[in-house]
């Protein structure tokens, strides 16, 4: 005699075959609705981030290197240190240290794997991108404060292909570039409009953007889910990505920030078959 687990498994298979076939992506698309782009929904997700220890340490400006053994400090801590170093005209050694640790913390907490191309002959992406950012330290605040005016120059600088000796291992780190710029602005311009200057480029958000484009009728969008046609000019893809997000937010009523848009969609869609039931849906 079949137990209940077996019966449930067979019922699930039957649901697939009779209702939707075996196409898992189509199942997800039909079962999962889009979360409403509202301040209330964003507030609920931000509350989760704030009080869940898995996420809260990264945004804790007091979580310095001594906070935990072998812990080098949070994103918030090092972005605050970088802000202070630039504002106070600290020594080049101190500015370099703040940039280096900011790069490490953003890479670590966002799993962007900058050192995936590291070899005995090459120090890895973390070191190279640290030097790139340090080399434009005099313009760093301007690039962050005026992304459109500077034509997203900092995104361009950081996302340029790394110089690993093996061309198969060198990488264009656009996702990291967007996250570094986002978090730098988030803590450097706290409480000011510039705090929300940069959208985070995230694979989860990229996958669902076409659904929001369709839902809100965003016309003539140049956005595609792949950046493969932008080799050597990834910053151009980023400009289209952010413009598309801005148009969706405007069409939805303009109630939420770019930061809120990313957090809401990432949290909701990171596991599309296990979604929170306290969010209002479209």
Protein backbone atom coordinates (compact mmCIF):
# COMPACT_ATOMS: atom_id res chain seq x y z
CA UNK A 1 0.00 0.00 0.00
CA UNK A 2 1.34 3.41 -0.98
CA UNK A 3 2.14 5.85 1.82
CA UNK A 4 1.07 9.47 1.73
CA UNK A 5 4.47 10.70 0.55
CA UNK A 6 4.28 8.43 -2.50
CA UNK A 7 0.71 9.52 -3.18
CA UNK A 8 1.75 13.18 -2.97
CA UNK A 9 4.68 12.61 -5.33
CA UNK A 10 2.41 10.94 -7.88
CA UNK A 11 -0.09 13.76 -7.57
CA UNK A 12 2.68 16.25 -8.27
CA UNK A 13 3.73 14.33 -11.39
CA UNK A 14 0.11 14.23 -12.49
CA UNK A 15 -0.16 17.99 -12.01
CA UNK A 16 2.86 18.51 -14.21
CA UNK A 17 1.73 16.21 -17.00
CA UNK A 18 -1.96 17.13 -17.13
CA UNK A 19 -1.88 20.81 -16.25
CA UNK A 20 1.38 22.22 -17.55
CA UNK A 21 3.46 19.45 -19.05
CA UNK A 22 7.03 18.89 -17.87
CA UNK A 23 8.27 22.41 -18.56
CA UNK A 24 9.43 23.63 -15.15
CA UNK A 25 10.02 27.20 -16.32
CA UNK A 26 6.48 27.41 -17.64
CA UNK A 27 5.20 26.00 -14.34
CA UNK A 28 7.06 28.66 -12.40
CA UNK A 29 5.83 31.42 -14.70
CA UNK A 30 2.19 30.37 -14.29
CA UNK A 31 2.33 29.78 -10.56
CA UNK A 32 4.36 32.82 -9.55
CA UNK A 33 2.88 36.29 -9.87
CA UNK A 34 4.80 39.55 -9.84
CA UNK A 35 5.16 41.43 -6.55
CA UNK A 36 3.67 44.90 -6.60
CA UNK A 37 6.29 47.66 -6.79
CA UNK A 38 5.06 49.44 -3.68
CA UNK A 39 6.72 51.13 -0.72
CA UNK A 40 4.84 48.78 1.60
CA UNK A 41 6.27 45.68 -0.09
CA UNK A 42 9.78 47.12 -0.06
CA UNK A 43 9.43 48.00 3.63
CA UNK A 44 8.56 44.38 4.47
CA UNK A 45 11.58 43.06 2.59
CA UNK A 46 13.91 45.69 4.09
CA UNK A 47 12.68 44.69 7.57
CA UNK A 48 13.68 41.12 6.81
CA UNK A 49 17.15 42.19 5.65
CA UNK A 50 17.61 44.39 8.70
CA UNK A 51 16.75 41.71 11.25
CA UNK A 52 18.08 38.57 9.55
CA UNK A 53 21.69 37.97 10.60
CA UNK A 54 22.49 36.39 7.22
CA UNK A 55 22.12 39.85 5.67
CA UNK A 56 22.37 42.36 8.50
CA UNK A 57 26.14 42.20 9.14
CA UNK A 58 26.97 43.48 5.66
CA UNK A 59 25.01 46.68 6.32
CA UNK A 60 26.34 47.20 9.85
CA UNK A 61 28.75 50.19 9.83
CA UNK A 62 30.14 49.06 13.19
CA UNK A 63 31.10 45.57 11.99
CA UNK A 64 34.81 46.24 11.65
CA UNK A 65 37.73 43.82 11.31
CA UNK A 66 37.70 43.00 15.03
CA UNK A 67 33.99 42.12 15.00
CA UNK A 68 34.67 38.44 14.43
CA UNK A 69 37.83 36.29 14.14
CA UNK A 70 39.08 36.25 10.53
CA UNK A 71 36.33 38.70 9.55
CA UNK A 72 37.78 41.65 7.62
CA UNK A 73 34.87 44.04 8.07
CA UNK A 74 31.47 44.74 6.53
CA UNK A 75 30.67 46.54 3.28
CA UNK A 76 29.12 49.35 5.32
CA UNK A 77 32.18 49.67 7.56
CA UNK A 78 34.65 49.97 4.68
CA UNK A 79 32.49 52.24 2.56
CA UNK A 80 32.22 54.57 5.56
CA UNK A 81 36.00 54.38 5.96
CA UNK A 82 36.44 55.18 2.28
CA UNK A 83 34.05 58.12 2.53
CA UNK A 84 35.96 59.50 5.49
CA UNK A 85 39.35 58.94 3.83
CA UNK A 86 38.34 60.89 0.73
CA UNK A 87 36.52 63.63 2.62
CA UNK A 88 39.33 64.17 5.12
CA UNK A 89 42.12 64.03 2.53
CA UNK A 90 43.84 61.19 4.34
CA UNK A 91 47.12 59.72 3.17
CA UNK A 92 47.33 57.67 -0.01
CA UNK A 93 48.13 54.61 2.11
CA UNK A 94 44.88 55.03 4.07
CA UNK A 95 42.81 55.67 0.94
CA UNK A 96 44.33 52.61 -0.76
CA UNK A 97 43.59 50.47 2.29
CA UNK A 98 39.94 51.63 2.37
CA UNK A 99 39.48 50.94 -1.35
CA UNK A 100 41.14 47.53 -1.11
CA UNK A 101 38.99 46.43 1.83
CA UNK A 102 35.84 47.85 0.22
CA UNK A 103 36.58 45.78 -2.90
CA UNK A 104 37.14 42.66 -0.80
CA UNK A 105 33.98 43.12 1.28
CA UNK A 106 31.72 43.80 -1.71
CA UNK A 107 33.19 40.81 -3.57
CA UNK A 108 32.86 38.53 -0.53
CA UNK A 109 29.32 39.47 0.45
CA UNK A 110 27.97 39.39 -3.11
CA UNK A 111 29.83 36.29 -4.35
CA UNK A 112 31.17 38.03 -7.46
CA UNK A 113 34.33 35.86 -7.41
CA UNK A 114 36.84 38.46 -8.54
CA UNK A 115 39.75 36.16 -7.77
CA UNK A 116 38.45 33.30 -9.92
CA UNK A 117 41.17 34.19 -12.43
CA UNK A 118 43.96 34.30 -9.85
CA UNK A 119 47.11 32.31 -10.72
CA UNK A 120 50.74 32.14 -9.64
CA UNK A 121 51.45 34.71 -12.38
CA UNK A 122 48.47 36.98 -11.68
CA UNK A 123 47.36 38.47 -8.35
CA UNK A 124 43.68 38.24 -9.21
CA UNK A 125 40.79 40.57 -9.89
CA UNK A 126 40.61 41.99 -6.37
CA UNK A 127 44.11 43.43 -6.59
CA UNK A 128 43.70 44.70 -10.15
CA UNK A 129 40.36 46.41 -9.53
CA UNK A 130 41.67 47.95 -6.32
CA UNK A 131 44.45 49.58 -8.34
CA UNK A 132 42.05 50.78 -11.04
CA UNK A 133 39.81 52.48 -8.48
CA UNK A 134 42.78 53.90 -6.56
CA UNK A 135 44.18 55.38 -9.77
CA UNK A 136 41.06 57.53 -10.18
CA UNK A 137 40.74 58.47 -6.51
CA UNK A 138 40.76 62.21 -7.34
CA UNK A 139 37.67 61.72 -9.52
CA UNK A 140 36.01 58.95 -7.52
CA UNK A 141 33.45 61.08 -5.72
CA UNK A 142 32.55 62.88 -8.96
CA UNK A 143 32.02 59.61 -10.87
CA UNK A 144 29.79 58.32 -8.08
CA UNK A 145 27.86 61.56 -7.67
CA UNK A 146 27.35 62.22 -11.42
CA UNK A 147 26.98 58.89 -13.25
CA UNK A 148 25.05 60.27 -16.24
CA UNK A 149 27.22 63.37 -16.60
CA UNK A 150 30.36 61.20 -16.51
CA UNK A 151 28.74 58.66 -18.88
CA UNK A 152 29.07 55.96 -16.21
CA UNK A 153 32.85 56.24 -16.34
CA UNK A 154 33.42 54.32 -13.10
CA UNK A 155 31.29 51.41 -14.33
CA UNK A 156 33.40 51.47 -17.50
CA UNK A 157 36.70 51.51 -15.59
CA UNK A 158 35.83 48.71 -13.18
CA UNK A 159 34.07 46.42 -15.68
CA UNK A 160 36.86 46.51 -18.27
CA UNK A 161 38.32 43.06 -18.84
CA UNK A 162 40.97 42.02 -16.33
CA UNK A 163 44.55 41.40 -17.50
CA UNK A 164 44.98 37.77 -16.47
CA UNK A 165 47.75 36.20 -18.61
CA UNK A 166 45.40 33.48 -19.84
CA UNK A 167 42.76 35.26 -21.98
CA UNK A 168 40.31 32.46 -21.21
CA UNK A 169 40.47 33.38 -17.51
CA UNK A 170 40.27 37.18 -17.77
CA UNK A 171 36.83 38.60 -16.99
CA UNK A 172 34.57 41.61 -17.42
CA UNK A 173 33.20 42.17 -13.92
CA UNK A 174 30.06 44.21 -14.64
CA UNK A 175 28.04 42.80 -11.77
CA UNK A 176 30.80 43.69 -9.30
CA UNK A 177 31.17 47.16 -10.85
CA UNK A 178 27.48 47.90 -10.32
CA UNK A 179 27.59 46.66 -6.74
CA UNK A 180 30.71 48.60 -5.82
CA UNK A 181 29.21 51.82 -7.23
CA UNK A 182 25.85 51.15 -5.60
CA UNK A 183 27.24 50.53 -2.12
CA UNK A 184 29.74 53.38 -2.35
CA UNK A 185 26.87 55.79 -3.12
CA UNK A 186 24.60 54.16 -0.54
CA UNK A 187 26.99 55.01 2.29
CA UNK A 188 28.79 58.05 0.84
CA UNK A 189 25.58 59.99 0.12
CA UNK A 190 23.35 58.68 2.89
CA UNK A 191 20.05 60.59 3.04
CA UNK A 192 20.72 62.40 -0.25
CA UNK A 193 19.24 61.73 -3.74
CA UNK A 194 22.65 60.47 -4.92
CA UNK A 195 22.38 57.56 -2.48
CA UNK A 196 20.30 55.75 -5.13
CA UNK A 197 22.46 56.64 -8.15
CA UNK A 198 23.30 53.08 -9.24
CA UNK A 199 21.14 50.01 -9.76
CA UNK A 200 22.59 46.66 -8.79
CA UNK A 201 23.05 44.39 -11.81
CA UNK A 202 21.74 41.06 -10.60
CA UNK A 203 21.05 37.82 -12.50
CA UNK A 204 17.78 37.22 -10.63
CA UNK A 205 16.48 40.68 -11.58
CA UNK A 206 17.71 40.30 -15.18
CA UNK A 207 15.62 37.15 -15.62
CA UNK A 208 12.38 38.75 -14.45
CA UNK A 209 12.73 42.20 -16.07
CA UNK A 210 11.03 41.06 -19.31
CA UNK A 211 7.91 40.17 -17.30
CA UNK A 212 7.75 43.68 -15.84
CA UNK A 213 8.47 45.21 -19.26
CA UNK A 214 5.48 43.31 -20.63
CA UNK A 215 3.23 44.00 -17.65
CA UNK A 216 3.80 47.77 -17.65
CA UNK A 217 4.00 48.10 -21.42
CA UNK A 218 7.47 49.62 -21.52
CA UNK A 219 7.78 50.43 -25.21
CA UNK A 220 10.90 50.31 -27.37
CA UNK A 221 13.01 48.80 -24.60
CA UNK A 222 16.48 47.82 -25.82
CA UNK A 223 16.95 45.52 -22.84
CA UNK A 224 17.94 41.91 -23.44
CA UNK A 225 18.59 39.18 -20.89
CA UNK A 226 22.09 38.62 -22.27
CA UNK A 227 25.01 41.03 -22.42
CA UNK A 228 26.93 38.87 -24.90
CA UNK A 229 26.56 41.48 -27.65
CA UNK A 230 28.31 44.07 -25.47
CA UNK A 231 31.78 42.54 -25.20
CA UNK A 232 34.31 45.25 -24.47
CA UNK A 233 31.56 47.76 -23.70
CA UNK A 234 29.62 46.23 -20.84
CA UNK A 235 28.90 49.66 -19.39
CA UNK A 236 26.58 50.27 -22.38
CA UNK A 237 24.55 47.22 -21.34
CA UNK A 238 24.42 48.59 -17.80
CA UNK A 239 23.06 51.93 -19.04
CA UNK A 240 20.22 50.12 -20.85
CA UNK A 241 19.56 47.96 -17.78
CA UNK A 242 19.27 50.95 -15.43
CA UNK A 243 17.16 52.96 -17.92
CA UNK A 244 14.75 50.02 -18.18
CA UNK A 245 14.44 49.77 -14.40
CA UNK A 246 13.79 53.51 -14.18
CA UNK A 247 11.03 53.25 -16.80
CA UNK A 248 9.38 50.33 -14.97
CA UNK A 249 9.49 52.19 -11.64
CA UNK A 250 7.96 55.27 -13.28
CA UNK A 251 5.21 53.22 -14.94
CA UNK A 252 4.43 51.58 -11.61
CA UNK A 253 3.81 54.95 -9.95
CA UNK A 254 7.36 55.92 -8.99
CA UNK A 255 6.88 54.87 -5.38
CA UNK A 256 10.10 52.89 -4.84
CA UNK A 257 13.86 53.39 -5.22
CA UNK A 258 16.27 51.50 -7.44
CA UNK A 259 17.64 49.93 -4.27
CA UNK A 260 14.14 48.88 -3.19
CA UNK A 261 13.41 47.48 -6.64
CA UNK A 262 16.49 45.25 -6.50
CA UNK A 263 15.87 44.03 -2.95
CA UNK A 264 12.19 43.30 -3.56
CA UNK A 265 12.71 41.34 -6.79
CA UNK A 266 15.80 39.51 -5.59
CA UNK A 267 14.14 38.38 -2.37
CA UNK A 268 10.90 37.36 -4.06
CA UNK A 269 12.37 35.57 -7.07
CA UNK A 270 15.52 33.98 -5.66
CA UNK A 271 13.35 30.90 -5.00
CA UNK A 272 10.25 31.33 -7.21
CA UNK A 273 8.42 28.30 -5.85
CA UNK A 274 8.90 29.35 -2.23
CA UNK A 275 7.75 32.94 -1.97
CA UNK A 276 6.68 35.03 1.03
CA UNK A 277 2.91 35.25 1.44
CA UNK A 278 2.95 38.70 3.08
CA UNK A 279 3.73 40.65 -0.10
CA UNK A 280 1.02 42.22 -2.24
CA UNK A 281 1.02 40.89 -5.80
CA UNK A 282 0.06 42.41 -9.14
